[in-house]
């Protein structure tokens, strides 16, 4: 499961940031997850709780999903992605290979599959807080 690999990356990155900033104990990590990554947030949260080292004993992991916003390259229309409009097989295909979203998603205004993803991809650390 890629959620475990992502959790390991979050722990590693937060540890590196804490070390550079002189933080001895991390109390909060804010994580943003793009909706198109379709991460199982419960699994990510569980993985984070299991991978805690001493620096993370009291850490609260705050995970927020960022909605996917798309813009048609043909007509310029912007819209918010809605997974509810996809069948289960399509949603699963996009989950494993987000780059194929263009095969399944079309502009609601003109029907073009040529769109840009403005936001809603990736996973990143928004911030960390701790005790120095």
C-alpha atoms as a PDB file:
ATOM      1  CA  UNK A   1       0.000   0.000   0.000  1.00  0.00           C
ATOM      2  CA  UNK A   2       1.425   3.345  -1.007  1.00  0.00           C
ATOM      3  CA  UNK A   3      -0.058   4.995   2.094  1.00  0.00           C
ATOM      4  CA  UNK A   4       2.688   3.343   4.168  1.00  0.00           C
ATOM      5  CA  UNK A   5       5.399   4.654   1.843  1.00  0.00           C
ATOM      6  CA  UNK A   6       3.861   8.118   2.033  1.00  0.00           C
ATOM      7  CA  UNK A   7       3.729   7.903   5.834  1.00  0.00           C
ATOM      8  CA  UNK A   8       7.422   6.961   5.909  1.00  0.00           C
ATOM      9  CA  UNK A   9       8.214   9.947   3.681  1.00  0.00           C
ATOM     10  CA  UNK A  10       6.202  12.295   5.931  1.00  0.00           C
ATOM     11  CA  UNK A  11       7.992  11.064   9.061  1.00  0.00           C
ATOM     12  CA  UNK A  12      11.391  11.319   7.383  1.00  0.00           C
ATOM     13  CA  UNK A  13      10.763  14.799   5.980  1.00  0.00           C
ATOM     14  CA  UNK A  14       9.273  16.133   9.229  1.00  0.00           C
ATOM     15  CA  UNK A  15      12.288  14.739  11.113  1.00  0.00           C
ATOM     16  CA  UNK A  16      14.693  16.495   8.752  1.00  0.00           C
ATOM     17  CA  UNK A  17      12.817  19.808   9.066  1.00  0.00           C
ATOM     18  CA  UNK A  18      12.714  19.473  12.862  1.00  0.00           C
ATOM     19  CA  UNK A  19      16.446  18.817  12.990  1.00  0.00           C
ATOM     20  CA  UNK A  20      17.210  21.872  10.832  1.00  0.00           C
ATOM     21  CA  UNK A  21      14.941  24.072  12.972  1.00  0.00           C
ATOM     22  CA  UNK A  22      16.168  22.705  16.315  1.00  0.00           C
ATOM     23  CA  UNK A  23      12.824  21.136  17.253  1.00  0.00           C
ATOM     24  CA  UNK A  24      13.270  18.395  19.858  1.00  0.00           C
ATOM     25  CA  UNK A  25       9.690  17.156  19.988  1.00  0.00           C
ATOM     26  CA  UNK A  26       7.164  17.540  17.162  1.00  0.00           C
ATOM     27  CA  UNK A  27       3.660  18.341  18.436  1.00  0.00           C
ATOM     28  CA  UNK A  28       1.782  18.886  15.175  1.00  0.00           C
ATOM     29  CA  UNK A  29       2.228  17.995  11.510  1.00  0.00           C
ATOM     30  CA  UNK A  30      -0.222  19.449   8.978  1.00  0.00           C
ATOM     31  CA  UNK A  31      -0.436  17.368   5.828  1.00  0.00           C
ATOM     32  CA  UNK A  32      -2.309  18.256   2.652  1.00  0.00           C
ATOM     33  CA  UNK A  33      -3.369  15.488   0.291  1.00  0.00           C
ATOM     34  CA  UNK A  34      -4.611  16.227  -3.203  1.00  0.00           C
ATOM     35  CA  UNK A  35      -7.955  14.604  -3.926  1.00  0.00           C
ATOM     36  CA  UNK A  36      -6.694  13.034  -7.160  1.00  0.00           C
ATOM     37  CA  UNK A  37      -4.117  11.062  -5.177  1.00  0.00           C
ATOM     38  CA  UNK A  38      -7.122   9.230  -3.712  1.00  0.00           C
ATOM     39  CA  UNK A  39      -5.204   8.267  -0.606  1.00  0.00           C
ATOM     40  CA  UNK A  40      -7.027   6.157   1.964  1.00  0.00           C
ATOM     41  CA  UNK A  41      -6.759   8.689   4.794  1.00  0.00           C
ATOM     42  CA  UNK A  42      -7.550   6.146   7.519  1.00  0.00           C
ATOM     43  CA  UNK A  43      -4.680   3.944   6.352  1.00  0.00           C
ATOM     44  CA  UNK A  44      -2.312   6.922   6.101  1.00  0.00           C
ATOM     45  CA  UNK A  45      -3.275   8.053   9.607  1.00  0.00           C
ATOM     46  CA  UNK A  46      -2.805   4.528  10.986  1.00  0.00           C
ATOM     47  CA  UNK A  47       0.568   4.193   9.258  1.00  0.00           C
ATOM     48  CA  UNK A  48       1.700   7.520  10.719  1.00  0.00           C
ATOM     49  CA  UNK A  49       0.690   6.396  14.208  1.00  0.00           C
ATOM     50  CA  UNK A  50       2.630   3.143  13.816  1.00  0.00           C
ATOM     51  CA  UNK A  51       5.792   4.769  12.466  1.00  0.00           C
ATOM     52  CA  UNK A  52       6.201   7.317  15.270  1.00  0.00           C
ATOM     53  CA  UNK A  53       9.667   7.600  16.722  1.00  0.00           C
ATOM     54  CA  UNK A  54      10.495   9.250  20.064  1.00  0.00           C
ATOM     55  CA  UNK A  55      10.418  12.695  18.436  1.00  0.00           C
ATOM     56  CA  UNK A  56       6.772  12.068  17.453  1.00  0.00           C
ATOM     57  CA  UNK A  57       5.371  10.634  20.731  1.00  0.00           C
ATOM     58  CA  UNK A  58       2.825  13.435  21.210  1.00  0.00           C
ATOM     59  CA  UNK A  59       2.390  14.443  17.577  1.00  0.00           C
ATOM     60  CA  UNK A  60      -1.041  15.253  16.223  1.00  0.00           C
ATOM     61  CA  UNK A  61      -1.168  14.526  12.485  1.00  0.00           C
ATOM     62  CA  UNK A  62      -3.696  16.859  10.878  1.00  0.00           C
ATOM     63  CA  UNK A  63      -4.546  15.557   7.388  1.00  0.00           C
ATOM     64  CA  UNK A  64      -6.570  17.749   5.033  1.00  0.00           C
ATOM     65  CA  UNK A  65      -7.809  16.849   1.563  1.00  0.00           C
ATOM     66  CA  UNK A  66      -7.437  19.525  -1.098  1.00  0.00           C
ATOM     67  CA  UNK A  67     -10.218  19.404  -3.700  1.00  0.00           C
ATOM     68  CA  UNK A  68      -9.127  18.976  -7.293  1.00  0.00           C
ATOM     69  CA  UNK A  69      -9.705  22.008  -9.468  1.00  0.00           C
ATOM     70  CA  UNK A  70      -9.475  21.578 -13.229  1.00  0.00           C
ATOM     71  CA  UNK A  71      -9.386  24.007 -16.156  1.00  0.00           C
ATOM     72  CA  UNK A  72     -10.228  23.177 -19.765  1.00  0.00           C
ATOM     73  CA  UNK A  73      -7.477  24.136 -22.194  1.00  0.00           C
ATOM     74  CA  UNK A  74     -10.021  24.443 -25.021  1.00  0.00           C
ATOM     75  CA  UNK A  75     -12.731  26.709 -23.585  1.00  0.00           C
ATOM     76  CA  UNK A  76     -11.106  27.913 -20.341  1.00  0.00           C
ATOM     77  CA  UNK A  77     -13.894  26.602 -18.095  1.00  0.00           C
ATOM     78  CA  UNK A  78     -12.833  25.815 -14.493  1.00  0.00           C
ATOM     79  CA  UNK A  79     -14.542  23.197 -12.366  1.00  0.00           C
ATOM     80  CA  UNK A  80     -14.155  21.150  -9.208  1.00  0.00           C
ATOM     81  CA  UNK A  81     -13.574  17.442  -9.754  1.00  0.00           C
ATOM     82  CA  UNK A  82     -16.278  15.162  -8.391  1.00  0.00           C
ATOM     83  CA  UNK A  83     -15.447  11.506  -7.855  1.00  0.00           C
ATOM     84  CA  UNK A  84     -19.173  10.725  -7.534  1.00  0.00           C
ATOM     85  CA  UNK A  85     -19.501  11.058 -11.314  1.00  0.00           C
ATOM     86  CA  UNK A  86     -17.123   8.122 -11.885  1.00  0.00           C
ATOM     87  CA  UNK A  87     -17.906   4.426 -11.753  1.00  0.00           C
ATOM     88  CA  UNK A  88     -15.882   2.219  -9.395  1.00  0.00           C
ATOM     89  CA  UNK A  89     -13.516   0.842 -12.076  1.00  0.00           C
ATOM     90  CA  UNK A  90     -12.721   4.308 -13.411  1.00  0.00           C
ATOM     91  CA  UNK A  91     -12.115   5.699  -9.924  1.00  0.00           C
ATOM     92  CA  UNK A  92      -9.776   2.788  -9.189  1.00  0.00           C
ATOM     93  CA  UNK A  93      -7.868   3.299 -12.451  1.00  0.00           C
ATOM     94  CA  UNK A  94      -7.334   6.980 -11.637  1.00  0.00           C
ATOM     95  CA  UNK A  95      -6.349   6.027  -8.082  1.00  0.00           C
ATOM     96  CA  UNK A  96      -3.448   3.883  -9.308  1.00  0.00           C
ATOM     97  CA  UNK A  97      -2.414   6.046 -12.280  1.00  0.00           C
ATOM     98  CA  UNK A  98      -3.635   9.651 -11.811  1.00  0.00           C
ATOM     99  CA  UNK A  99      -2.079  10.657 -15.128  1.00  0.00           C
ATOM    100  CA  UNK A 100      -4.802   8.735 -17.007  1.00  0.00           C
ATOM    101  CA  UNK A 101      -7.524  11.018 -15.634  1.00  0.00           C
ATOM    102  CA  UNK A 102      -7.663  12.677 -19.072  1.00  0.00           C
ATOM    103  CA  UNK A 103      -8.974   9.420 -20.512  1.00  0.00           C
ATOM    104  CA  UNK A 104     -12.031   9.456 -18.266  1.00  0.00           C
ATOM    105  CA  UNK A 105     -12.700  13.061 -17.272  1.00  0.00           C
ATOM    106  CA  UNK A 106     -14.097  15.576 -19.770  1.00  0.00           C
ATOM    107  CA  UNK A 107     -14.852  19.288 -19.518  1.00  0.00           C
ATOM    108  CA  UNK A 108     -18.472  19.648 -18.369  1.00  0.00           C
ATOM    109  CA  UNK A 109     -18.931  22.668 -20.665  1.00  0.00           C
ATOM    110  CA  UNK A 110     -17.418  21.586 -24.018  1.00  0.00           C
ATOM    111  CA  UNK A 111     -16.650  17.876 -23.513  1.00  0.00           C
ATOM    112  CA  UNK A 112     -12.918  18.161 -24.213  1.00  0.00           C
ATOM    113  CA  UNK A 113     -10.518  15.774 -22.442  1.00  0.00           C
ATOM    114  CA  UNK A 114      -7.789  18.450 -22.690  1.00  0.00           C
ATOM    115  CA  UNK A 115      -7.620  20.024 -19.242  1.00  0.00           C
ATOM    116  CA  UNK A 116      -5.066  21.168 -16.735  1.00  0.00           C
ATOM    117  CA  UNK A 117      -5.049  20.159 -13.090  1.00  0.00           C
ATOM    118  CA  UNK A 118      -4.774  23.456 -11.196  1.00  0.00           C
ATOM    119  CA  UNK A 119      -4.770  21.874  -7.735  1.00  0.00           C
ATOM    120  CA  UNK A 120      -5.583  18.577  -6.082  1.00  0.00           C
ATOM    121  CA  UNK A 121      -2.548  16.420  -6.815  1.00  0.00           C
ATOM    122  CA  UNK A 122       0.292  15.391  -4.584  1.00  0.00           C
ATOM    123  CA  UNK A 123       0.904  15.222  -0.876  1.00  0.00           C
ATOM    124  CA  UNK A 124       2.928  17.726   1.091  1.00  0.00           C
ATOM    125  CA  UNK A 125       3.720  18.980   4.555  1.00  0.00           C
ATOM    126  CA  UNK A 126       1.906  22.235   5.152  1.00  0.00           C
ATOM    127  CA  UNK A 127       3.663  22.883   8.468  1.00  0.00           C
ATOM    128  CA  UNK A 128       5.178  21.346  11.559  1.00  0.00           C
ATOM    129  CA  UNK A 129       5.135  22.647  15.129  1.00  0.00           C
ATOM    130  CA  UNK A 130       7.094  21.529  18.103  1.00  0.00           C
ATOM    131  CA  UNK A 131       9.127  22.211  21.208  1.00  0.00           C
ATOM    132  CA  UNK A 132      12.702  23.427  20.877  1.00  0.00           C
END
